[in-house]
Amino acid sequence: MKGKLFYVGLILAFGLSAVAHYTHLNATLQFVISAIAVIFVAGFLGKATESVAHYAGERMGGFLNATFGNAAELIIAIFLVKDGMFEVVKASLTGSIIGNLLLVLGLSIFAGGLKFKEQSFNVKLASHNSSLMILGVIALFIPAIFAGGLTTRETSSMSLIVAILLIAAYLLWLLFSMVTHKDVLSDAAVEHGEAPWSKSTSILFLILATVMVAFSSEWMVGTLEEVTHKFGLSELFVGAFLIAIIGNAAEHSAAVLMAMKNKMGAAVEIAIGSSLQIALFVAPVLVIASFFMGGTPMNIVFTTYELAAIGVAVFITKSITQDGSTNWYEGLLLLVVYIILGVVFFLV
């Protein structure tokens, strides 16, 4: 019954969002309807990736969920970059990173910890994840520190070089973790339940969900600037929290579900893996893409507020996950830090 209600809601939300966009309804109403549609579509995306994970395996399933779950953020960001809204893009990337590390992982650890006293995952994977998170922080801090002494052209060149290096590091990480050291970093085998769909249907729904995310995201972005000005919200808060929470809906549902099934390794892969993908792949891709869109390209220089938020999120996440085990109180700590950042970003 719940499944049928979800699909009815999905069709209604997506359909109403299309009607609101093409009939040019009030911008605020369009934004609300589109945001609801994105959440439903992201949930559909999460279900599709979980079904694919049944056939592809836990680790690959977590990676696919993170990748397709980030499709919403990437597509939203591409439209924002095209419109020259670089500050909103950087804020949304910041929000996605801290949202995955603090909100998604925090909810997963908390929910899983209420059901199981202690949950564990591969400690070597935790160590490598920590190193990669620190790389992401370094790659964002260094350009911000030295950008003040560079010209606009030099800053653009530096951003392009850093972006290429980060993408190379991320692709080599995939080679390392998925191929050469796959066995070392894998978790113990976990029994699978029945997949809701066949393999071919799961792949088809995954593609369909991604296309739906593209449309609903574009419709929401089209109303963003007007809504931001109307309610006096800062671009930092809208990008870092509003867009990020909506875009992370797929990760929220899938990671919490995995944790409550005592599959913490998959939940960590979805949450931390998604943050790493944003910092080491999505952000650099957007920087490179901006060079082909005409006008001034986007640089990789983030604000002090954004860097502080990312640094804090990485620090506490590394501290909590480095031993390869979690409990509900550690999840609560991550959520408290997220709320603190949310309050500060709203008041800034």
Protein backbone atom coordinates (compact mmCIF):
# COMPACT_ATOMS: atom_id res chain seq x y z
CA MET A 1 0.00 0.00 0.00
CA LYS A 2 2.83 2.39 0.94
CA GLY A 3 4.56 1.59 -2.35
CA LYS A 4 1.46 2.45 -4.38
CA LEU A 5 0.97 5.72 -2.49
CA PHE A 6 4.59 6.67 -3.18
CA TYR A 7 4.22 6.14 -6.94
CA VAL A 8 0.92 8.05 -7.00
CA GLY A 9 2.68 10.90 -5.17
CA LEU A 10 5.62 10.70 -7.59
CA ILE A 11 3.40 11.00 -10.67
CA LEU A 12 1.26 13.77 -9.16
CA ALA A 13 4.23 15.82 -7.91
CA PHE A 14 6.15 15.53 -11.18
CA GLY A 15 3.03 16.28 -13.25
CA LEU A 16 2.04 19.29 -11.14
CA SER A 17 5.61 20.59 -11.30
CA ALA A 18 5.51 20.43 -15.11
CA VAL A 19 2.13 22.21 -15.19
CA ALA A 20 3.34 24.91 -12.76
CA HIS A 21 6.44 25.52 -14.88
CA TYR A 22 4.83 25.66 -18.31
CA THR A 23 1.81 27.70 -17.18
CA HIS A 24 4.12 30.19 -15.41
CA LEU A 25 2.47 30.05 -12.01
CA ASN A 26 3.64 32.20 -9.08
CA ALA A 27 7.41 31.69 -8.57
CA THR A 28 7.05 30.72 -4.89
CA LEU A 29 4.38 28.14 -5.71
CA GLN A 30 6.51 26.81 -8.56
CA PHE A 31 9.51 26.46 -6.23
CA VAL A 32 7.53 24.58 -3.56
CA ILE A 33 5.92 22.19 -6.07
CA SER A 34 9.25 21.61 -7.86
CA ALA A 35 11.04 20.98 -4.55
CA ILE A 36 8.42 18.36 -3.61
CA ALA A 37 8.82 16.79 -7.06
CA VAL A 38 12.61 16.64 -6.67
CA ILE A 39 12.21 14.87 -3.31
CA PHE A 40 9.82 12.28 -4.79
CA VAL A 41 12.00 11.76 -7.85
CA ALA A 42 15.11 11.46 -5.66
CA GLY A 43 13.28 8.80 -3.64
CA PHE A 44 12.49 6.95 -6.88
CA LEU A 45 16.16 7.26 -7.81
CA GLY A 46 17.12 5.79 -4.43
CA LYS A 47 14.79 2.81 -4.92
CA ALA A 48 16.17 2.19 -8.40
CA THR A 49 19.79 2.29 -7.25
CA GLU A 50 19.03 0.01 -4.29
CA SER A 51 17.48 -2.49 -6.70
CA VAL A 52 20.53 -2.27 -8.98
CA ALA A 53 22.71 -2.80 -5.88
CA HIS A 54 21.01 -6.16 -5.36
CA TYR A 55 22.56 -7.34 -8.61
CA ALA A 56 25.82 -5.34 -8.53
CA GLY A 57 26.84 -5.96 -4.88
CA GLU A 58 26.95 -3.84 -1.70
CA ARG A 59 30.01 -1.70 -2.42
CA MET A 60 29.15 -1.09 -6.06
CA GLY A 61 25.54 -0.49 -5.05
CA GLY A 62 26.62 2.18 -2.57
CA PHE A 63 28.80 3.79 -5.23
CA LEU A 64 25.97 3.77 -7.77
CA ASN A 65 23.59 5.27 -5.24
CA ALA A 66 26.08 8.04 -4.44
CA THR A 67 26.71 8.66 -8.14
CA PHE A 68 23.11 8.75 -9.31
CA GLY A 69 22.04 10.45 -6.08
CA ASN A 70 24.49 13.23 -6.95
CA ALA A 71 22.87 13.53 -10.38
CA ALA A 72 20.36 15.97 -8.86
CA GLU A 73 23.09 18.23 -7.47
CA LEU A 74 25.17 18.05 -10.64
CA ILE A 75 22.25 18.87 -12.92
CA ILE A 76 21.05 21.70 -10.67
CA ALA A 77 24.59 23.09 -10.52
CA ILE A 78 25.09 22.95 -14.30
CA PHE A 79 22.00 25.12 -14.84
CA LEU A 80 23.21 27.53 -12.15
CA VAL A 81 26.70 27.72 -13.72
CA LYS A 82 25.10 28.40 -17.09
CA ASP A 83 23.22 31.33 -15.50
CA GLY A 84 26.44 32.62 -13.92
CA MET A 85 25.22 32.01 -10.34
CA PHE A 86 28.64 30.82 -9.16
CA GLU A 87 28.16 31.76 -5.49
CA VAL A 88 24.98 29.68 -5.27
CA VAL A 89 26.80 26.78 -6.95
CA LYS A 90 29.66 26.90 -4.44
CA ALA A 91 27.20 27.19 -1.57
CA SER A 92 25.24 24.18 -2.87
CA LEU A 93 28.46 22.15 -3.22
CA THR A 94 29.38 23.11 0.34
CA GLY A 95 25.91 22.15 1.51
CA SER A 96 26.10 18.84 -0.30
CA ILE A 97 29.44 17.95 1.29
CA ILE A 98 28.44 18.88 4.85
CA GLY A 99 24.91 17.55 4.30
CA ASN A 100 26.20 14.11 3.36
CA LEU A 101 28.85 14.01 6.10
CA LEU A 102 26.70 15.41 8.91
CA LEU A 103 23.01 14.98 8.02
CA VAL A 104 22.93 11.83 5.87
CA LEU A 105 25.64 9.96 7.80
CA GLY A 106 24.38 11.33 11.12
CA LEU A 107 20.81 10.16 10.49
CA SER A 108 22.07 6.78 9.26
CA ILE A 109 24.29 6.19 12.30
CA PHE A 110 21.59 7.43 14.69
CA ALA A 111 18.78 5.34 13.15
CA GLY A 112 20.96 2.26 12.83
CA GLY A 113 22.30 2.73 16.36
CA LEU A 114 18.81 2.79 17.85
CA LYS A 115 18.22 -0.67 16.37
CA PHE A 116 21.70 -2.15 16.83
CA LYS A 117 23.94 -1.35 19.82
CA GLU A 118 27.07 -1.06 17.68
CA GLN A 119 27.60 -1.26 13.93
CA SER A 120 30.87 -1.77 12.11
CA PHE A 121 32.37 -1.41 8.65
CA ASN A 122 35.77 -1.93 7.00
CA VAL A 123 38.34 -0.01 9.08
CA LYS A 124 40.81 0.21 6.15
CA LEU A 125 38.12 1.81 4.02
CA ALA A 126 37.46 4.27 6.85
CA SER A 127 41.16 5.18 6.89
CA HIS A 128 41.30 5.77 3.13
CA ASN A 129 38.07 7.78 3.24
CA SER A 130 39.61 10.01 5.92
CA SER A 131 42.70 10.63 3.78
CA LEU A 132 40.58 11.51 0.77
CA MET A 133 38.40 13.87 2.82
CA ILE A 134 41.54 15.68 4.00
CA LEU A 135 42.74 15.89 0.37
CA GLY A 136 39.45 17.56 -0.51
CA VAL A 137 39.87 20.11 2.30
CA ILE A 138 43.48 20.86 1.25
CA ALA A 139 42.44 21.27 -2.40
CA LEU A 140 39.84 23.88 -1.38
CA PHE A 141 41.91 25.67 1.30
CA ILE A 142 45.11 26.24 -0.73
CA PRO A 143 43.47 28.11 -3.67
CA ALA A 144 41.46 30.27 -1.23
CA ILE A 145 44.60 31.26 0.68
CA PHE A 146 46.65 32.25 -2.36
CA ALA A 147 43.88 33.63 -4.61
CA GLY A 148 44.20 37.11 -3.10
CA GLY A 149 47.61 37.62 -4.71
CA LEU A 150 46.59 36.40 -8.15
CA THR A 151 44.90 38.06 -11.12
CA THR A 152 41.53 36.82 -12.35
CA ARG A 153 43.21 35.00 -15.23
CA GLU A 154 45.78 33.37 -12.93
CA THR A 155 43.02 32.31 -10.52
CA SER A 156 41.11 30.71 -13.42
CA SER A 157 44.24 28.86 -14.58
CA MET A 158 44.97 27.66 -11.03
CA SER A 159 41.37 26.48 -10.65
CA LEU A 160 41.53 24.55 -13.92
CA ILE A 161 44.78 22.80 -12.95
CA VAL A 162 43.50 21.91 -9.46
CA ALA A 163 40.24 20.64 -10.98
CA ILE A 164 42.10 18.33 -13.39
CA LEU A 165 44.33 16.99 -10.57
CA LEU A 166 41.31 16.28 -8.33
CA ILE A 167 39.48 14.40 -11.09
CA ALA A 168 42.62 12.34 -11.77
CA ALA A 169 42.96 11.56 -8.02
CA TYR A 170 39.29 10.51 -7.84
CA LEU A 171 39.46 8.26 -10.91
CA LEU A 172 42.61 6.60 -9.56
CA TRP A 173 40.80 6.10 -6.22
CA LEU A 174 38.05 4.23 -8.08
CA LEU A 175 40.70 2.07 -9.76
CA PHE A 176 42.35 1.43 -6.38
CA SER A 177 39.17 0.70 -4.41
CA MET A 178 37.11 -1.08 -7.08
CA VAL A 179 39.85 -3.03 -8.91
CA THR A 180 43.37 -3.40 -7.49
CA HIS A 181 42.38 -3.46 -3.76
CA LYS A 182 38.73 -4.45 -4.08
CA ASP A 183 39.01 -7.45 -1.72
CA VAL A 184 40.91 -5.53 0.96
CA LEU A 185 38.32 -2.75 1.16
CA SER A 186 35.15 -4.84 0.88
CA ASP A 187 32.89 -5.58 3.83
CA ALA A 188 31.84 -9.03 4.94
CA ALA A 189 29.13 -10.50 2.75
CA VAL A 190 25.58 -9.58 3.78
CA GLU A 191 22.50 -11.53 2.81
CA HIS A 192 20.32 -9.77 0.24
CA GLY A 193 16.55 -9.70 0.30
CA GLU A 194 14.45 -9.87 -2.79
CA ALA A 195 14.96 -7.10 -5.33
CA PRO A 196 11.74 -5.23 -6.15
CA TRP A 197 12.44 -5.33 -9.90
CA SER A 198 14.34 -7.41 -12.42
CA LYS A 199 17.87 -6.39 -13.46
CA SER A 200 16.77 -4.84 -16.77
CA THR A 201 13.80 -3.04 -15.15
CA SER A 202 16.07 -1.68 -12.40
CA ILE A 203 18.47 -0.21 -14.98
CA LEU A 204 15.56 1.21 -17.00
CA PHE A 205 14.07 2.87 -13.90
CA LEU A 206 17.50 4.22 -12.96
CA ILE A 207 17.74 5.97 -16.34
CA LEU A 208 14.12 7.18 -16.14
CA ALA A 209 14.64 8.57 -12.63
CA THR A 210 17.77 10.44 -13.75
CA VAL A 211 15.86 12.05 -16.65
CA MET A 212 13.05 13.05 -14.27
CA VAL A 213 15.61 14.55 -11.89
CA ALA A 214 17.01 16.64 -14.78
CA PHE A 215 13.62 18.14 -15.63
CA SER A 216 12.38 18.77 -12.07
CA SER A 217 15.76 20.27 -11.10
CA GLU A 218 15.70 22.69 -14.05
CA TRP A 219 12.16 23.77 -13.16
CA MET A 220 13.17 24.45 -9.55
CA VAL A 221 16.33 26.38 -10.48
CA GLY A 222 14.27 28.64 -12.76
CA THR A 223 12.43 30.04 -9.71
CA LEU A 224 15.38 30.20 -7.34
CA GLU A 225 16.58 33.77 -7.85
CA GLU A 226 13.11 35.32 -7.50
CA VAL A 227 12.29 33.27 -4.38
CA THR A 228 15.63 34.13 -2.77
CA HIS A 229 15.07 37.87 -3.20
CA LYS A 230 11.41 37.69 -2.17
CA PHE A 231 12.10 36.12 1.23
CA GLY A 232 15.40 37.90 1.85
CA LEU A 233 17.37 34.66 2.10
CA SER A 234 21.10 34.67 1.50
CA GLU A 235 22.52 32.75 -1.44
CA LEU A 236 24.76 30.96 1.07
CA PHE A 237 21.81 29.58 3.09
CA VAL A 238 19.70 28.71 0.02
CA GLY A 239 22.59 26.92 -1.68
CA ALA A 240 24.17 25.28 1.36
CA PHE A 241 20.99 24.03 3.02
CA LEU A 242 17.80 24.37 0.96
CA ILE A 243 19.12 23.05 -2.36
CA ALA A 244 21.47 20.57 -0.68
CA ILE A 245 18.77 18.99 1.50
CA ILE A 246 16.44 18.62 -1.49
CA GLY A 247 19.20 17.27 -3.70
CA ASN A 248 20.36 14.80 -1.03
CA ALA A 249 16.92 13.19 -0.67
CA ALA A 250 18.05 10.07 -2.54
CA GLU A 251 21.05 9.56 -0.26
CA HIS A 252 18.93 10.23 2.85
CA SER A 253 16.44 7.48 2.13
CA ALA A 254 18.89 4.86 0.87
CA ALA A 255 21.63 5.38 3.50
CA VAL A 256 19.20 5.31 6.46
CA LEU A 257 17.50 2.23 5.02
CA MET A 258 20.86 0.45 4.67
CA ALA A 259 21.91 1.37 8.22
CA MET A 260 18.64 0.05 9.67
CA LYS A 261 19.30 -3.23 7.87
CA ASN A 262 22.72 -3.34 9.64
CA LYS A 263 24.55 -2.64 6.36
CA MET A 264 26.61 0.22 7.75
CA GLY A 265 29.35 -0.31 5.17
CA ALA A 266 26.90 0.52 2.39
CA ALA A 267 25.49 3.49 4.34
CA VAL A 268 29.00 4.91 4.86
CA GLU A 269 29.80 4.38 1.18
CA ILE A 270 26.67 6.32 0.20
CA ALA A 271 27.22 9.22 2.64
CA ILE A 272 31.00 9.66 2.70
CA GLY A 273 31.43 8.38 -0.85
CA SER A 274 28.93 10.96 -2.05
CA SER A 275 30.79 13.80 -0.29
CA LEU A 276 34.09 12.66 -1.77
CA GLN A 277 32.51 12.52 -5.21
CA ILE A 278 31.21 16.09 -4.83
CA ALA A 279 34.58 17.46 -3.64
CA LEU A 280 36.86 15.47 -5.95
CA PHE A 281 34.74 15.08 -9.07
CA VAL A 282 31.53 17.15 -9.31
CA ALA A 283 33.07 20.49 -8.22
CA PRO A 284 36.08 20.09 -10.58
CA VAL A 285 33.78 19.05 -13.47
CA LEU A 286 31.72 22.22 -12.97
CA VAL A 287 34.88 24.35 -12.99
CA ILE A 288 36.00 22.73 -16.25
CA ALA A 289 32.50 22.92 -17.79
CA SER A 290 32.30 26.66 -17.05
CA PHE A 291 35.24 27.22 -19.43
CA PHE A 292 33.08 26.00 -22.31
CA MET A 293 30.01 28.10 -21.48
CA GLY A 294 31.40 31.48 -22.49
CA GLY A 295 31.95 34.46 -20.22
CA THR A 296 34.02 34.37 -17.04
CA PRO A 297 34.66 30.78 -15.90
CA MET A 298 33.93 29.64 -12.35
CA ASN A 299 36.95 29.40 -10.06
CA ILE A 300 37.50 26.92 -7.24
CA VAL A 301 37.94 29.61 -4.55
CA PHE A 302 35.38 29.14 -1.74
CA THR A 303 34.48 31.68 0.98
CA THR A 304 35.80 31.54 4.54
CA TYR A 305 32.36 30.47 5.83
CA GLU A 306 32.17 27.60 3.34
CA LEU A 307 35.72 26.43 4.05
CA ALA A 308 35.12 26.55 7.81
CA ALA A 309 31.94 24.48 7.47
CA ILE A 310 33.63 21.87 5.27
CA GLY A 311 36.68 21.71 7.56
CA VAL A 312 34.53 21.21 10.68
CA ALA A 313 32.41 18.53 8.97
CA VAL A 314 35.49 16.59 7.79
CA PHE A 315 37.16 16.87 11.20
CA ILE A 316 34.29 15.40 13.25
CA THR A 317 33.41 12.79 10.60
CA LYS A 318 37.02 11.57 10.53
CA SER A 319 37.07 11.45 14.33
CA ILE A 320 33.87 9.39 14.52
CA THR A 321 34.45 6.93 11.65
CA GLN A 322 38.20 6.22 11.90
CA ASP A 323 37.75 3.18 14.19
CA GLY A 324 35.34 1.44 11.80
CA SER A 325 32.47 1.26 14.32
CA THR A 326 29.52 3.52 15.20
CA ASN A 327 26.71 3.94 17.75
CA TRP A 328 23.61 6.13 18.01
CA TYR A 329 25.32 8.82 20.13
CA GLU A 330 27.98 9.43 17.45
CA GLY A 331 25.18 9.95 14.94
CA LEU A 332 23.60 12.48 17.29
CA LEU A 333 26.89 14.41 17.49
CA LEU A 334 27.00 14.75 13.70
CA LEU A 335 23.41 16.02 13.64
CA VAL A 336 24.13 18.60 16.38
CA VAL A 337 27.06 20.01 14.37
CA TYR A 338 24.82 20.20 11.27
CA ILE A 339 22.13 22.12 13.17
CA ILE A 340 24.74 24.55 14.55
CA LEU A 341 26.03 25.24 11.03
CA GLY A 342 22.47 25.64 9.74
CA VAL A 343 21.64 28.28 12.39
CA VAL A 344 24.85 30.21 11.67
CA PHE A 345 24.36 30.10 7.86
CA PHE A 346 20.77 31.31 8.23
CA LEU A 347 21.83 34.30 10.37
CA VAL A 348 24.86 35.28 8.28
